[in-house]
Amino acid sequence: MRYLGVDISREFLRESTRCLADDYPWLEVHAIHADFCQRVALPPGVPCERPVAFFPGSSIGNFAPWEAQDFLRGLHGLLPAGGGLLVGVDLIKDARILDAAYNDAAGLTAAFNRNLLLRMRDEFEGDLDPQRFMHRAFYNAAESRVEMHLVSADEQRISVAGEQFHFSSGETLHTENSYKYSVAGFQTLAAHAAWTDRDALFSLHYLERA
């Protein structure tokens, strides 16, 4: 049996595939350092007769619906007939549950959101103060997505990679979307069978290429 990991982070990819190989010595482990948002070419000898791609978590929700369709079409072209895709999809749920998850008391999501500012400062010669931006996340029911923003606490001007940007007090930097689906909605987007957890908070879909 073979496993092929694909990720844009080289260090994460190395560590995760190394751990997997150590935990399952009978498993033949391969890795491709690549952006899975782009079309990925499999190396010779890796594909098996009926490969199954696994896209865990709910990362498919970070794509806009048309981007998710393009991503699924790319996998369809990559897999041979009989191959499959197991994909996790976050479901539409009570807005209070989403609010608690994306505005957690420990501030983990806020720190994740502000990390964008830290990377802008450290990797792109940014002149900015991350503490002058506040985390905001809310469910946009009309778009069926959670939106994450960084809100300027006051009027300010920042510099990133030599470019100047002015922010008014309360102006936001829209950093991320996380789309939520119903089972029927994702089946419309993708197709075929799906499974949900007991509380109908999450779903798994298995798509098979004909």
Protein backbone atom coordinates (compact mmCIF):
# COMPACT_ATOMS: atom_id res chain seq x y z
CA MET A 1 0.00 0.00 0.00
CA ARG A 2 1.26 3.47 -0.89
CA TYR A 3 0.64 6.91 0.61
CA LEU A 4 1.45 10.21 -1.11
CA GLY A 5 1.36 13.43 0.91
CA VAL A 6 1.06 16.81 -0.81
CA ASP A 7 1.54 20.14 0.96
CA ILE A 8 2.90 23.61 0.27
CA SER A 9 4.84 23.68 3.57
CA ARG A 10 8.03 21.71 3.05
CA GLU A 11 8.88 21.34 6.73
CA PHE A 12 5.37 20.28 7.72
CA LEU A 13 5.33 17.80 4.85
CA ARG A 14 8.66 16.29 5.85
CA GLU A 15 7.68 15.95 9.50
CA SER A 16 4.20 14.55 8.91
CA THR A 17 5.27 11.99 6.32
CA ARG A 18 8.24 10.97 8.47
CA CYS A 19 5.95 10.39 11.45
CA LEU A 20 3.53 8.43 9.26
CA ALA A 21 6.34 6.22 7.95
CA ASP A 22 7.58 5.59 11.51
CA ASP A 23 4.09 4.73 12.80
CA TYR A 24 3.24 2.46 9.85
CA PRO A 25 6.45 0.77 8.66
CA TRP A 26 4.47 -1.44 6.26
CA LEU A 27 3.24 1.66 4.40
CA GLU A 28 5.22 2.98 1.44
CA VAL A 29 5.28 6.75 2.01
CA HIS A 30 5.95 9.39 -0.66
CA ALA A 31 5.73 13.19 -0.59
CA ILE A 32 5.30 16.00 -3.12
CA HIS A 33 6.14 19.57 -2.13
CA ALA A 34 3.50 21.46 -4.13
CA ASP A 35 0.54 23.81 -3.92
CA PHE A 36 -2.51 21.56 -4.14
CA CYS A 37 -4.54 24.58 -5.29
CA GLN A 38 -2.68 24.14 -8.58
CA ARG A 39 -2.77 21.10 -10.83
CA VAL A 40 -0.36 18.50 -9.41
CA ALA A 41 1.37 15.88 -11.55
CA LEU A 42 1.96 12.53 -9.87
CA PRO A 43 5.48 11.09 -10.16
CA PRO A 44 5.91 7.90 -12.22
CA GLY A 45 5.27 4.66 -10.35
CA VAL A 46 3.19 6.17 -7.54
CA PRO A 47 -0.40 5.71 -8.85
CA CYS A 48 -2.02 2.40 -8.01
CA GLU A 49 -4.94 0.62 -9.65
CA ARG A 50 -7.69 2.33 -7.62
CA PRO A 51 -6.16 5.31 -5.77
CA VAL A 52 -8.17 7.26 -3.20
CA ALA A 53 -7.41 10.93 -2.55
CA PHE A 54 -8.16 12.19 0.97
CA PHE A 55 -8.86 15.88 1.62
CA PRO A 56 -9.52 15.99 5.39
CA GLY A 57 -10.82 18.62 7.74
CA SER A 58 -12.94 21.31 6.15
CA SER A 59 -10.35 23.07 3.99
CA ILE A 60 -12.63 22.73 0.97
CA GLY A 61 -14.64 25.51 2.63
CA ASN A 62 -11.75 27.96 2.22
CA PHE A 63 -12.37 27.84 -1.53
CA ALA A 64 -15.13 29.92 -3.04
CA PRO A 65 -17.70 27.52 -4.56
CA TRP A 66 -16.39 28.03 -8.09
CA GLU A 67 -12.84 27.44 -6.84
CA ALA A 68 -13.99 24.26 -5.08
CA GLN A 69 -15.51 23.04 -8.34
CA ASP A 70 -12.26 23.76 -10.18
CA PHE A 71 -10.31 21.92 -7.47
CA LEU A 72 -12.59 18.88 -7.75
CA ARG A 73 -12.33 18.94 -11.54
CA GLY A 74 -8.54 18.93 -11.20
CA LEU A 75 -8.66 15.85 -8.98
CA HIS A 76 -11.06 14.20 -11.41
CA GLY A 77 -8.49 14.67 -14.14
CA LEU A 78 -5.70 13.38 -11.92
CA LEU A 79 -7.37 10.15 -10.79
CA PRO A 80 -7.93 7.20 -13.12
CA ALA A 81 -11.32 5.57 -13.67
CA GLY A 82 -12.38 3.83 -10.45
CA GLY A 83 -10.32 6.20 -8.31
CA GLY A 84 -12.03 8.11 -5.54
CA LEU A 85 -11.95 11.16 -3.30
CA LEU A 86 -12.91 11.25 0.38
CA VAL A 87 -13.50 14.87 1.37
CA GLY A 88 -14.58 16.45 4.65
CA VAL A 89 -17.09 19.30 4.50
CA ASP A 90 -18.19 21.60 7.32
CA LEU A 91 -21.98 21.82 7.45
CA ILE A 92 -24.31 24.77 7.96
CA LYS A 93 -25.14 24.94 11.65
CA ASP A 94 -26.43 27.25 14.36
CA ALA A 95 -24.66 30.61 14.10
CA ARG A 96 -23.95 30.47 17.85
CA ILE A 97 -21.83 27.35 17.36
CA LEU A 98 -19.89 29.04 14.57
CA ASP A 99 -19.43 32.20 16.64
CA ALA A 100 -18.02 30.19 19.56
CA ALA A 101 -15.64 28.35 17.24
CA TYR A 102 -14.30 31.39 15.37
CA ASN A 103 -14.27 33.71 18.40
CA ASP A 104 -12.97 31.17 20.91
CA ALA A 105 -12.31 32.30 24.48
CA ALA A 106 -8.68 31.16 24.32
CA GLY A 107 -8.04 33.53 21.42
CA LEU A 108 -6.53 30.84 19.22
CA THR A 109 -8.44 31.87 16.09
CA ALA A 110 -7.63 35.52 16.74
CA ALA A 111 -3.93 34.65 16.99
CA PHE A 112 -4.19 32.65 13.77
CA ASN A 113 -5.81 35.64 12.06
CA ARG A 114 -3.22 38.13 13.35
CA ASN A 115 -0.43 35.80 12.22
CA LEU A 116 -1.03 37.21 8.74
CA LEU A 117 0.14 40.59 10.04
CA LEU A 118 3.21 39.04 11.67
CA ARG A 119 4.18 37.39 8.38
CA MET A 120 3.62 40.65 6.49
CA ARG A 121 5.90 42.41 8.98
CA ASP A 122 8.60 39.75 9.16
CA GLU A 123 8.66 38.38 5.59
CA PHE A 124 7.71 41.43 3.52
CA GLU A 125 9.52 44.19 5.44
CA GLY A 126 6.25 45.45 6.84
CA ASP A 127 6.06 48.52 9.02
CA LEU A 128 2.96 47.85 11.10
CA ASP A 129 1.78 47.06 14.61
CA PRO A 130 -0.37 43.90 14.78
CA GLN A 131 -1.84 45.08 18.09
CA ARG A 132 -3.55 47.96 16.30
CA PHE A 133 -5.79 45.45 14.53
CA MET A 134 -8.61 43.50 16.17
CA HIS A 135 -9.90 40.08 15.18
CA ARG A 136 -13.49 39.87 13.92
CA ALA A 137 -15.31 36.76 12.70
CA PHE A 138 -18.99 36.37 11.89
CA TYR A 139 -21.34 34.16 9.92
CA ASN A 140 -22.60 35.71 6.69
CA ALA A 141 -25.84 33.77 6.18
CA ALA A 142 -26.49 35.25 2.74
CA GLU A 143 -23.18 33.87 1.46
CA SER A 144 -23.24 30.76 3.69
CA ARG A 145 -19.75 31.46 4.99
CA VAL A 146 -17.84 32.55 8.05
CA GLU A 147 -15.81 35.67 7.30
CA MET A 148 -12.65 36.60 9.16
CA HIS A 149 -11.47 40.21 9.23
CA LEU A 150 -8.77 42.28 10.86
CA VAL A 151 -10.23 45.59 12.01
CA SER A 152 -8.10 48.70 12.29
CA ALA A 153 -8.39 50.02 15.85
CA ASP A 154 -7.67 53.58 14.71
CA GLU A 155 -6.63 55.58 11.68
CA GLN A 156 -3.23 54.41 10.56
CA ARG A 157 -0.87 53.95 7.65
CA ILE A 158 1.13 50.75 7.18
CA SER A 159 3.90 49.80 4.79
CA VAL A 160 4.28 46.34 3.23
CA ALA A 161 6.91 45.44 0.61
CA GLY A 162 7.46 49.12 -0.10
CA GLU A 163 3.75 49.85 -0.63
CA GLN A 164 1.78 52.23 1.59
CA PHE A 165 -1.76 51.45 2.77
CA HIS A 166 -4.09 53.75 4.69
CA PHE A 167 -6.69 52.39 7.10
CA SER A 168 -9.50 54.39 8.65
CA SER A 169 -10.64 53.52 12.16
CA GLY A 170 -12.93 50.49 11.88
CA GLU A 171 -11.84 49.66 8.32
CA THR A 172 -11.30 45.95 7.83
CA LEU A 173 -8.86 43.70 6.05
CA HIS A 174 -10.86 40.66 4.85
CA THR A 175 -8.50 37.74 5.52
CA GLU A 176 -10.42 34.49 5.07
CA ASN A 177 -13.71 32.84 4.15
CA SER A 178 -14.91 29.45 5.32
CA TYR A 179 -17.94 28.30 3.33
CA LYS A 180 -20.48 25.99 4.95
CA TYR A 181 -22.67 23.57 3.02
CA SER A 182 -25.71 21.43 3.45
CA VAL A 183 -25.24 17.81 2.37
CA ALA A 184 -27.54 18.41 -0.59
CA GLY A 185 -25.70 21.63 -1.40
CA PHE A 186 -22.32 19.95 -1.56
CA GLN A 187 -23.77 17.06 -3.53
CA THR A 188 -25.00 19.63 -6.01
CA LEU A 189 -21.48 21.02 -6.12
CA ALA A 190 -19.74 17.66 -6.32
CA ALA A 191 -22.12 14.62 -6.33
CA HIS A 192 -22.58 11.09 -4.96
CA ALA A 193 -22.68 9.72 -1.41
CA ALA A 194 -22.16 11.51 1.89
CA TRP A 195 -22.01 10.71 5.59
CA THR A 196 -22.51 13.05 8.57
CA ASP A 197 -21.62 12.85 12.25
CA ARG A 198 -24.33 12.19 14.86
CA ASP A 199 -25.01 15.88 15.48
CA ALA A 200 -24.96 16.78 11.77
CA LEU A 201 -22.09 19.24 12.23
CA PHE A 202 -19.70 17.72 9.72
CA SER A 203 -19.94 15.48 6.69
CA LEU A 204 -17.82 13.13 4.63
CA HIS A 205 -18.38 12.67 0.92
CA TYR A 206 -16.98 9.90 -1.23
CA LEU A 207 -16.74 10.75 -4.91
CA GLU A 208 -15.82 8.11 -7.44
CA ARG A 209 -14.61 8.75 -10.93
CA ALA A 210 -16.52 6.78 -13.53
